[in-house]
């Protein structure tokens, strides 16, 4: 999978509220009502990432989770990164941890 151009990335991010492209990564910070809601989100995201073999960098804070996608082997953002950002958005709306 090849790298997307800056224009392609910015066009894709128009549809992804809150995602930012900078320094060859796309990133977003999510807020949750409780710490455990955030951890549940991380677990769901980890399962999806493993399923498609495209893994984010995740930073866990108190009721916040920062998610970053890049293709480490390609050195930038690919369609797989954008696809995972889209999947992350869907997962973020499931608000109860399991």
PDB file of N, CA and C in Angstrom:
ATOM      1  N   UNK A   1       0.851  -1.176   0.000  1.00  0.00           N
ATOM      2  CA  UNK A   1       0.000   0.000   0.000  1.00  0.00           C
ATOM      3  C   UNK A   1       0.898   1.240   0.000  1.00  0.00           C
ATOM      4  N   UNK A   2       0.610   2.176  -0.882  1.00  0.00           N
ATOM      5  CA  UNK A   2       1.466   3.352  -1.005  1.00  0.00           C
ATOM      6  C   UNK A   2       0.991   4.491  -0.105  1.00  0.00           C
ATOM      7  N   UNK A   3       1.892   5.423   0.105  1.00  0.00           N
ATOM      8  CA  UNK A   3       1.575   6.596   0.915  1.00  0.00           C
ATOM      9  C   UNK A   3       0.559   7.475   0.193  1.00  0.00           C
ATOM     10  N   UNK A   4      -0.301   8.102   0.968  1.00  0.00           N
ATOM     11  CA  UNK A   4      -1.230   9.084   0.421  1.00  0.00           C
ATOM     12  C   UNK A   4      -0.532  10.436   0.359  1.00  0.00           C
ATOM     13  N   UNK A   5      -0.938  11.265  -0.585  1.00  0.00           N
ATOM     14  CA  UNK A   5      -0.401  12.627  -0.665  1.00  0.00           C
ATOM     15  C   UNK A   5      -1.019  13.462   0.453  1.00  0.00           C
ATOM     16  N   UNK A   6      -0.393  14.579   0.773  1.00  0.00           N
ATOM     17  CA  UNK A   6      -0.942  15.484   1.787  1.00  0.00           C
ATOM     18  C   UNK A   6      -2.366  15.896   1.417  1.00  0.00           C
ATOM     19  N   UNK A   7      -2.605  16.164   0.152  1.00  0.00           N
ATOM     20  CA  UNK A   7      -3.940  16.556  -0.299  1.00  0.00           C
ATOM     21  C   UNK A   7      -4.950  15.426  -0.086  1.00  0.00           C
ATOM     22  N   UNK A   8      -4.564  14.191  -0.423  1.00  0.00           N
ATOM     23  CA  UNK A   8      -5.458  13.054  -0.214  1.00  0.00           C
ATOM     24  C   UNK A   8      -5.785  12.872   1.273  1.00  0.00           C
ATOM     25  N   UNK A   9      -4.782  13.002   2.112  1.00  0.00           N
ATOM     26  CA  UNK A   9      -4.988  12.853   3.558  1.00  0.00           C
ATOM     27  C   UNK A   9      -5.945  13.923   4.062  1.00  0.00           C
ATOM     28  N   UNK A  10      -5.690  15.162   3.700  1.00  0.00           N
ATOM     29  CA  UNK A  10      -6.556  16.257   4.152  1.00  0.00           C
ATOM     30  C   UNK A  10      -7.982  16.099   3.636  1.00  0.00           C
ATOM     31  N   UNK A  11      -8.146  15.604   2.417  1.00  0.00           N
ATOM     32  CA  UNK A  11      -9.482  15.345   1.877  1.00  0.00           C
ATOM     33  C   UNK A  11     -10.201  14.280   2.698  1.00  0.00           C
ATOM     34  N   UNK A  12      -9.488  13.232   3.078  1.00  0.00           N
ATOM     35  CA  UNK A  12     -10.085  12.157   3.885  1.00  0.00           C
ATOM     36  C   UNK A  12     -10.456  12.650   5.276  1.00  0.00           C
ATOM     37  N   UNK A  13      -9.629  13.518   5.846  1.00  0.00           N
ATOM     38  CA  UNK A  13      -9.862  13.970   7.216  1.00  0.00           C
ATOM     39  C   UNK A  13     -11.051  14.919   7.338  1.00  0.00           C
ATOM     40  N   UNK A  14     -11.507  15.478   6.227  1.00  0.00           N
ATOM     41  CA  UNK A  14     -12.704  16.320   6.251  1.00  0.00           C
ATOM     42  C   UNK A  14     -13.874  15.526   6.829  1.00  0.00           C
ATOM     43  N   UNK A  15     -13.923  14.245   6.514  1.00  0.00           N
ATOM     44  CA  UNK A  15     -15.006  13.371   6.983  1.00  0.00           C
ATOM     45  C   UNK A  15     -14.760  12.823   8.390  1.00  0.00           C
ATOM     46  N   UNK A  16     -13.593  13.063   8.954  1.00  0.00           N
ATOM     47  CA  UNK A  16     -13.229  12.500  10.262  1.00  0.00           C
ATOM     48  C   UNK A  16     -13.031  13.630  11.262  1.00  0.00           C
ATOM     49  N   UNK A  17     -14.091  13.984  11.946  1.00  0.00           N
ATOM     50  CA  UNK A  17     -14.097  15.108  12.875  1.00  0.00           C
ATOM     51  C   UNK A  17     -13.039  14.949  13.967  1.00  0.00           C
ATOM     52  N   UNK A  18     -12.182  15.950  14.085  1.00  0.00           N
ATOM     53  CA  UNK A  18     -11.203  15.982  15.159  1.00  0.00           C
ATOM     54  C   UNK A  18      -9.870  15.347  14.848  1.00  0.00           C
ATOM     55  N   UNK A  19      -9.755  14.638  13.744  1.00  0.00           N
ATOM     56  CA  UNK A  19      -8.477  14.031  13.374  1.00  0.00           C
ATOM     57  C   UNK A  19      -7.569  15.099  12.766  1.00  0.00           C
ATOM     58  N   UNK A  20      -6.281  15.021  13.108  1.00  0.00           N
ATOM     59  CA  UNK A  20      -5.301  16.006  12.670  1.00  0.00           C
ATOM     60  C   UNK A  20      -4.153  15.284  11.967  1.00  0.00           C
ATOM     61  N   UNK A  21      -3.691  15.857  10.862  1.00  0.00           N
ATOM     62  CA  UNK A  21      -2.524  15.340  10.131  1.00  0.00           C
ATOM     63  C   UNK A  21      -1.343  16.257  10.398  1.00  0.00           C
ATOM     64  N   UNK A  22      -0.276  15.680  10.928  1.00  0.00           N
ATOM     65  CA  UNK A  22       0.939  16.446  11.201  1.00  0.00           C
ATOM     66  C   UNK A  22       2.108  15.480  11.346  1.00  0.00           C
ATOM     67  N   UNK A  23       3.235  15.850  10.791  1.00  0.00           N
ATOM     68  CA  UNK A  23       4.472  15.066  10.932  1.00  0.00           C
ATOM     69  C   UNK A  23       4.287  13.606  10.531  1.00  0.00           C
ATOM     70  N   UNK A  24       3.628  13.373   9.409  1.00  0.00           N
ATOM     71  CA  UNK A  24       3.465  12.037   8.835  1.00  0.00           C
ATOM     72  C   UNK A  24       2.609  11.085   9.653  1.00  0.00           C
ATOM     73  N   UNK A  25       1.737  11.621  10.512  1.00  0.00           N
ATOM     74  CA  UNK A  25       0.796  10.800  11.275  1.00  0.00           C
ATOM     75  C   UNK A  25      -0.571  11.471  11.277  1.00  0.00           C
ATOM     76  N   UNK A  26      -1.603  10.667  11.534  1.00  0.00           N
ATOM     77  CA  UNK A  26      -2.920  11.225  11.828  1.00  0.00           C
ATOM     78  C   UNK A  26      -3.250  10.846  13.267  1.00  0.00           C
ATOM     79  N   UNK A  27      -3.853  11.785  13.981  1.00  0.00           N
ATOM     80  CA  UNK A  27      -4.067  11.574  15.408  1.00  0.00           C
ATOM     81  C   UNK A  27      -5.349  12.244  15.890  1.00  0.00           C
ATOM     82  N   UNK A  28      -5.894  11.677  16.964  1.00  0.00           N
ATOM     83  CA  UNK A  28      -7.061  12.260  17.614  1.00  0.00           C
ATOM     84  C   UNK A  28      -7.047  11.847  19.081  1.00  0.00           C
ATOM     85  N   UNK A  29      -7.519  12.753  19.942  1.00  0.00           N
ATOM     86  CA  UNK A  29      -7.685  12.447  21.359  1.00  0.00           C
ATOM     87  C   UNK A  29      -9.178  12.358  21.660  1.00  0.00           C
ATOM     88  N   UNK A  30      -9.555  11.252  22.289  1.00  0.00           N
ATOM     89  CA  UNK A  30     -10.939  10.990  22.675  1.00  0.00           C
ATOM     90  C   UNK A  30     -11.096  11.201  24.171  1.00  0.00           C
ATOM     91  N   UNK A  31     -12.266  11.685  24.572  1.00  0.00           N
ATOM     92  CA  UNK A  31     -12.599  11.843  25.990  1.00  0.00           C
ATOM     93  C   UNK A  31     -13.716  10.875  26.346  1.00  0.00           C
ATOM     94  N   UNK A  32     -13.640  10.325  27.559  1.00  0.00           N
ATOM     95  CA  UNK A  32     -14.622   9.365  28.043  1.00  0.00           C
ATOM     96  C   UNK A  32     -15.112   9.788  29.415  1.00  0.00           C
ATOM     97  N   UNK A  33     -16.301   9.322  29.768  1.00  0.00           N
ATOM     98  CA  UNK A  33     -16.885   9.667  31.059  1.00  0.00           C
ATOM     99  C   UNK A  33     -16.109   9.070  32.224  1.00  0.00           C
ATOM    100  N   UNK A  34     -15.581   7.876  32.020  1.00  0.00           N
ATOM    101  CA  UNK A  34     -14.821   7.219  33.083  1.00  0.00           C
ATOM    102  C   UNK A  34     -13.529   6.658  32.513  1.00  0.00           C
ATOM    103  N   UNK A  35     -12.594   6.420  33.384  1.00  0.00           N
ATOM    104  CA  UNK A  35     -11.324   5.805  32.995  1.00  0.00           C
ATOM    105  C   UNK A  35     -11.581   4.444  32.341  1.00  0.00           C
ATOM    106  N   UNK A  36     -12.461   3.653  32.940  1.00  0.00           N
ATOM    107  CA  UNK A  36     -12.723   2.315  32.417  1.00  0.00           C
ATOM    108  C   UNK A  36     -13.430   2.338  31.063  1.00  0.00           C
ATOM    109  N   UNK A  37     -14.231   3.372  30.772  1.00  0.00           N
ATOM    110  CA  UNK A  37     -14.789   3.511  29.427  1.00  0.00           C
ATOM    111  C   UNK A  37     -13.657   3.668  28.414  1.00  0.00           C
ATOM    112  N   UNK A  38     -12.650   4.456  28.765  1.00  0.00           N
ATOM    113  CA  UNK A  38     -11.488   4.625  27.888  1.00  0.00           C
ATOM    114  C   UNK A  38     -10.726   3.323  27.697  1.00  0.00           C
ATOM    115  N   UNK A  39     -10.561   2.575  28.754  1.00  0.00           N
ATOM    116  CA  UNK A  39      -9.858   1.291  28.659  1.00  0.00           C
ATOM    117  C   UNK A  39     -10.653   0.303  27.813  1.00  0.00           C
ATOM    118  N   UNK A  40     -11.980   0.307  27.956  1.00  0.00           N
ATOM    119  CA  UNK A  40     -12.811  -0.539  27.102  1.00  0.00           C
ATOM    120  C   UNK A  40     -12.635  -0.192  25.635  1.00  0.00           C
ATOM    121  N   UNK A  41     -12.567   1.104  25.347  1.00  0.00           N
ATOM    122  CA  UNK A  41     -12.323   1.580  23.988  1.00  0.00           C
ATOM    123  C   UNK A  41     -10.977   1.071  23.474  1.00  0.00           C
ATOM    124  N   UNK A  42      -9.954   1.158  24.304  1.00  0.00           N
ATOM    125  CA  UNK A  42      -8.625   0.668  23.913  1.00  0.00           C
ATOM    126  C   UNK A  42      -8.686  -0.820  23.580  1.00  0.00           C
ATOM    127  N   UNK A  43      -9.377  -1.591  24.393  1.00  0.00           N
ATOM    128  CA  UNK A  43      -9.480  -3.030  24.147  1.00  0.00           C
ATOM    129  C   UNK A  43     -10.194  -3.324  22.828  1.00  0.00           C
ATOM    130  N   UNK A  44     -11.294  -2.609  22.556  1.00  0.00           N
ATOM    131  CA  UNK A  44     -12.005  -2.799  21.287  1.00  0.00           C
ATOM    132  C   UNK A  44     -11.126  -2.404  20.108  1.00  0.00           C
ATOM    133  N   UNK A  45     -10.403  -1.299  20.251  1.00  0.00           N
ATOM    134  CA  UNK A  45      -9.514  -0.840  19.186  1.00  0.00           C
ATOM    135  C   UNK A  45      -8.375  -1.828  18.955  1.00  0.00           C
ATOM    136  N   UNK A  46      -7.833  -2.380  20.024  1.00  0.00           N
ATOM    137  CA  UNK A  46      -6.752  -3.367  19.898  1.00  0.00           C
ATOM    138  C   UNK A  46      -7.229  -4.604  19.143  1.00  0.00           C
ATOM    139  N   UNK A  47      -8.449  -5.059  19.421  1.00  0.00           N
ATOM    140  CA  UNK A  47      -8.995  -6.214  18.704  1.00  0.00           C
ATOM    141  C   UNK A  47      -9.144  -5.924  17.217  1.00  0.00           C
ATOM    142  N   UNK A  48      -9.664  -4.741  16.884  1.00  0.00           N
ATOM    143  CA  UNK A  48      -9.825  -4.363  15.480  1.00  0.00           C
ATOM    144  C   UNK A  48      -8.468  -4.241  14.791  1.00  0.00           C
ATOM    145  N   UNK A  49      -7.510  -3.620  15.461  1.00  0.00           N
ATOM    146  CA  UNK A  49      -6.171  -3.451  14.890  1.00  0.00           C
ATOM    147  C   UNK A  49      -5.518  -4.804  14.610  1.00  0.00           C
ATOM    148  N   UNK A  50      -5.694  -5.729  15.516  1.00  0.00           N
ATOM    149  CA  UNK A  50      -5.126  -7.063  15.334  1.00  0.00           C
ATOM    150  C   UNK A  50      -5.816  -7.775  14.167  1.00  0.00           C
ATOM    151  N   UNK A  51      -7.121  -7.585  14.062  1.00  0.00           N
ATOM    152  CA  UNK A  51      -7.904  -8.203  12.985  1.00  0.00           C
ATOM    153  C   UNK A  51      -7.405  -7.774  11.609  1.00  0.00           C
ATOM    154  N   UNK A  52      -7.086  -6.489  11.459  1.00  0.00           N
ATOM    155  CA  UNK A  52      -6.663  -5.979  10.144  1.00  0.00           C
ATOM    156  C   UNK A  52      -5.152  -5.789  10.039  1.00  0.00           C
ATOM    157  N   UNK A  53      -4.433  -6.103  11.115  1.00  0.00           N
ATOM    158  CA  UNK A  53      -2.966  -6.005  11.153  1.00  0.00           C
ATOM    159  C   UNK A  53      -2.462  -4.596  10.836  1.00  0.00           C
ATOM    160  N   UNK A  54      -3.116  -3.615  11.452  1.00  0.00           N
ATOM    161  CA  UNK A  54      -2.658  -2.222  11.338  1.00  0.00           C
ATOM    162  C   UNK A  54      -2.874  -1.572  12.703  1.00  0.00           C
ATOM    163  N   UNK A  55      -1.790  -1.368  13.424  1.00  0.00           N
ATOM    164  CA  UNK A  55      -1.855  -1.045  14.845  1.00  0.00           C
ATOM    165  C   UNK A  55      -1.520   0.418  15.125  1.00  0.00           C
ATOM    166  N   UNK A  56      -2.304   1.040  16.008  1.00  0.00           N
ATOM    167  CA  UNK A  56      -2.050   2.439  16.362  1.00  0.00           C
ATOM    168  C   UNK A  56      -1.045   2.556  17.498  1.00  0.00           C
ATOM    169  N   UNK A  57      -0.529   3.749  17.655  1.00  0.00           N
ATOM    170  CA  UNK A  57       0.144   4.123  18.892  1.00  0.00           C
ATOM    171  C   UNK A  57      -0.959   4.711  19.768  1.00  0.00           C
ATOM    172  N   UNK A  58      -1.024   4.256  21.005  1.00  0.00           N
ATOM    173  CA  UNK A  58      -2.094   4.665  21.910  1.00  0.00           C
ATOM    174  C   UNK A  58      -1.485   5.227  23.185  1.00  0.00           C
ATOM    175  N   UNK A  59      -1.985   6.374  23.600  1.00  0.00           N
ATOM    176  CA  UNK A  59      -1.580   6.974  24.867  1.00  0.00           C
ATOM    177  C   UNK A  59      -2.808   7.058  25.759  1.00  0.00           C
ATOM    178  N   UNK A  60      -2.705   6.454  26.947  1.00  0.00           N
ATOM    179  CA  UNK A  60      -3.812   6.410  27.892  1.00  0.00           C
ATOM    180  C   UNK A  60      -3.611   7.469  28.957  1.00  0.00           C
ATOM    181  N   UNK A  61      -4.638   8.268  29.171  1.00  0.00           N
ATOM    182  CA  UNK A  61      -4.640   9.257  30.236  1.00  0.00           C
ATOM    183  C   UNK A  61      -5.898   9.080  31.073  1.00  0.00           C
ATOM    184  N   UNK A  62      -6.106   9.967  32.017  1.00  0.00           N
ATOM    185  CA  UNK A  62      -7.302   9.895  32.850  1.00  0.00           C
ATOM    186  C   UNK A  62      -8.488  10.359  32.026  1.00  0.00           C
ATOM    187  N   UNK A  63      -9.322   9.411  31.624  1.00  0.00           N
ATOM    188  CA  UNK A  63     -10.527   9.642  30.816  1.00  0.00           C
ATOM    189  C   UNK A  63     -10.230  10.176  29.419  1.00  0.00           C
ATOM    190  N   UNK A  64      -8.990  10.071  28.974  1.00  0.00           N
ATOM    191  CA  UNK A  64      -8.631  10.441  27.605  1.00  0.00           C
ATOM    192  C   UNK A  64      -7.758   9.358  26.986  1.00  0.00           C
ATOM    193  N   UNK A  65      -7.961   9.167  25.701  1.00  0.00           N
ATOM    194  CA  UNK A  65      -7.151   8.223  24.933  1.00  0.00           C
ATOM    195  C   UNK A  65      -6.724   8.940  23.653  1.00  0.00           C
ATOM    196  N   UNK A  66      -5.425   9.002  23.410  1.00  0.00           N
ATOM    197  CA  UNK A  66      -4.914   9.565  22.162  1.00  0.00           C
ATOM    198  C   UNK A  66      -4.515   8.413  21.242  1.00  0.00           C
ATOM    199  N   UNK A  67      -4.977   8.492  19.997  1.00  0.00           N
ATOM    200  CA  UNK A  67      -4.749   7.438  19.018  1.00  0.00           C
ATOM    201  C   UNK A  67      -4.011   8.046  17.831  1.00  0.00           C
ATOM    202  N   UNK A  68      -2.946   7.379  17.412  1.00  0.00           N
ATOM    203  CA  UNK A  68      -2.136   7.858  16.295  1.00  0.00           C
ATOM    204  C   UNK A  68      -1.908   6.722  15.308  1.00  0.00           C
ATOM    205  N   UNK A  69      -2.119   7.033  14.034  1.00  0.00           N
ATOM    206  CA  UNK A  69      -1.861   6.059  12.981  1.00  0.00           C
ATOM    207  C   UNK A  69      -0.814   6.592  12.014  1.00  0.00           C
ATOM    208  N   UNK A  70       0.090   5.712  11.644  1.00  0.00           N
ATOM    209  CA  UNK A  70       1.052   5.936  10.576  1.00  0.00           C
ATOM    210  C   UNK A  70       1.488   4.563  10.109  1.00  0.00           C
ATOM    211  N   UNK A  71       2.043   4.493   8.941  1.00  0.00           N
ATOM    212  CA  UNK A  71       2.623   3.239   8.468  1.00  0.00           C
ATOM    213  C   UNK A  71       4.118   3.326   8.721  1.00  0.00           C
ATOM    214  N   UNK A  72       4.570   2.633   9.755  1.00  0.00           N
ATOM    215  CA  UNK A  72       5.982   2.720  10.132  1.00  0.00           C
ATOM    216  C   UNK A  72       6.897   2.213   9.016  1.00  0.00           C
ATOM    217  N   UNK A  73       6.473   1.169   8.314  1.00  0.00           N
ATOM    218  CA  UNK A  73       7.331   0.643   7.250  1.00  0.00           C
ATOM    219  C   UNK A  73       7.325   1.515   6.005  1.00  0.00           C
ATOM    220  N   UNK A  74       6.243   2.284   5.784  1.00  0.00           N
ATOM    221  CA  UNK A  74       6.170   3.184   4.620  1.00  0.00           C
ATOM    222  C   UNK A  74       6.624   4.604   4.958  1.00  0.00           C
ATOM    223  N   UNK A  75       6.592   4.955   6.235  1.00  0.00           N
ATOM    224  CA  UNK A  75       7.043   6.277   6.647  1.00  0.00           C
ATOM    225  C   UNK A  75       6.021   7.377   6.483  1.00  0.00           C
ATOM    226  N   UNK A  76       4.736   7.039   6.640  1.00  0.00           N
ATOM    227  CA  UNK A  76       3.704   8.058   6.516  1.00  0.00           C
ATOM    228  C   UNK A  76       2.324   7.447   6.549  1.00  0.00           C
ATOM    229  N   UNK A  77       1.347   8.197   6.056  1.00  0.00           N
ATOM    230  CA  UNK A  77      -0.057   7.811   6.138  1.00  0.00           C
ATOM    231  C   UNK A  77      -0.483   7.108   4.848  1.00  0.00           C
ATOM    232  N   UNK A  78      -1.125   5.950   5.022  1.00  0.00           N
ATOM    233  CA  UNK A  78      -1.646   5.168   3.901  1.00  0.00           C
ATOM    234  C   UNK A  78      -3.167   5.082   4.013  1.00  0.00           C
ATOM    235  N   UNK A  79      -3.782   4.466   3.012  1.00  0.00           N
ATOM    236  CA  UNK A  79      -5.228   4.243   3.052  1.00  0.00           C
ATOM    237  C   UNK A  79      -5.605   3.369   4.250  1.00  0.00           C
ATOM    238  N   UNK A  80      -4.730   2.452   4.652  1.00  0.00           N
ATOM    239  CA  UNK A  80      -5.000   1.611   5.825  1.00  0.00           C
ATOM    240  C   UNK A  80      -5.085   2.455   7.092  1.00  0.00           C
ATOM    241  N   UNK A  81      -4.267   3.486   7.191  1.00  0.00           N
ATOM    242  CA  UNK A  81      -4.329   4.395   8.347  1.00  0.00           C
ATOM    243  C   UNK A  81      -5.670   5.100   8.392  1.00  0.00           C
ATOM    244  N   UNK A  82      -6.105   5.605   7.248  1.00  0.00           N
ATOM    245  CA  UNK A  82      -7.394   6.298   7.179  1.00  0.00           C
ATOM    246  C   UNK A  82      -8.526   5.321   7.477  1.00  0.00           C
ATOM    247  N   UNK A  83      -8.434   4.115   6.950  1.00  0.00           N
ATOM    248  CA  UNK A  83      -9.452   3.103   7.226  1.00  0.00           C
ATOM    249  C   UNK A  83      -9.546   2.788   8.706  1.00  0.00           C
ATOM    250  N   UNK A  84      -8.418   2.713   9.380  1.00  0.00           N
ATOM    251  CA  UNK A  84      -8.436   2.457  10.816  1.00  0.00           C
ATOM    252  C   UNK A  84      -8.953   3.670  11.587  1.00  0.00           C
ATOM    253  N   UNK A  85      -8.686   4.865  11.116  1.00  0.00           N
ATOM    254  CA  UNK A  85      -9.242   6.057  11.763  1.00  0.00           C
ATOM    255  C   UNK A  85     -10.767   6.026  11.659  1.00  0.00           C
ATOM    256  N   UNK A  86     -11.280   5.616  10.513  1.00  0.00           N
ATOM    257  CA  UNK A  86     -12.730   5.496  10.339  1.00  0.00           C
ATOM    258  C   UNK A  86     -13.296   4.444  11.293  1.00  0.00           C
ATOM    259  N   UNK A  87     -12.630   3.316  11.411  1.00  0.00           N
ATOM    260  CA  UNK A  87     -13.066   2.256  12.322  1.00  0.00           C
ATOM    261  C   UNK A  87     -12.988   2.731  13.772  1.00  0.00           C
ATOM    262  N   UNK A  88     -11.962   3.501  14.103  1.00  0.00           N
ATOM    263  CA  UNK A  88     -11.796   4.031  15.451  1.00  0.00           C
ATOM    264  C   UNK A  88     -12.960   4.935  15.820  1.00  0.00           C
ATOM    265  N   UNK A  89     -13.405   5.742  14.868  1.00  0.00           N
ATOM    266  CA  UNK A  89     -14.560   6.610  15.108  1.00  0.00           C
ATOM    267  C   UNK A  89     -15.787   5.789  15.490  1.00  0.00           C
ATOM    268  N   UNK A  90     -16.032   4.719  14.759  1.00  0.00           N
ATOM    269  CA  UNK A  90     -17.187   3.871  15.054  1.00  0.00           C
ATOM    270  C   UNK A  90     -17.051   3.240  16.436  1.00  0.00           C
ATOM    271  N   UNK A  91     -15.861   2.769  16.769  1.00  0.00           N
ATOM    272  CA  UNK A  91     -15.634   2.126  18.064  1.00  0.00           C
ATOM    273  C   UNK A  91     -15.782   3.111  19.222  1.00  0.00           C
ATOM    274  N   UNK A  92     -15.474   4.362  18.977  1.00  0.00           N
ATOM    275  CA  UNK A  92     -15.519   5.352  20.059  1.00  0.00           C
ATOM    276  C   UNK A  92     -16.936   5.629  20.537  1.00  0.00           C
ATOM    277  N   UNK A  93     -17.912   5.285  19.737  1.00  0.00           N
ATOM    278  CA  UNK A  93     -19.299   5.558  20.100  1.00  0.00           C
ATOM    279  C   UNK A  93     -19.913   4.456  20.965  1.00  0.00           C
ATOM    280  N   UNK A  94     -19.192   3.359  21.134  1.00  0.00           N
ATOM    281  CA  UNK A  94     -19.634   2.308  22.053  1.00  0.00           C
ATOM    282  C   UNK A  94     -19.109   2.694  23.426  1.00  0.00           C
ATOM    283  N   UNK A  95     -19.957   3.214  24.289  1.00  0.00           N
ATOM    284  CA  UNK A  95     -19.478   3.917  25.476  1.00  0.00           C
ATOM    285  C   UNK A  95     -19.338   3.077  26.744  1.00  0.00           C
ATOM    286  N   UNK A  96     -19.729   1.844  26.724  1.00  0.00           N
ATOM    287  CA  UNK A  96     -19.567   1.028  27.932  1.00  0.00           C
ATOM    288  C   UNK A  96     -18.452   0.006  27.715  1.00  0.00           C
ATOM    289  N   UNK A  97     -17.585  -0.095  28.699  1.00  0.00           N
ATOM    290  CA  UNK A  97     -16.520  -1.082  28.604  1.00  0.00           C
ATOM    291  C   UNK A  97     -17.075  -2.471  28.881  1.00  0.00           C
ATOM    292  N   UNK A  98     -16.361  -3.489  28.334  1.00  0.00           N
ATOM    293  CA  UNK A  98     -16.771  -4.862  28.593  1.00  0.00           C
ATOM    294  C   UNK A  98     -15.607  -5.648  29.130  1.00  0.00           C
TER     295      UNK A  98
END
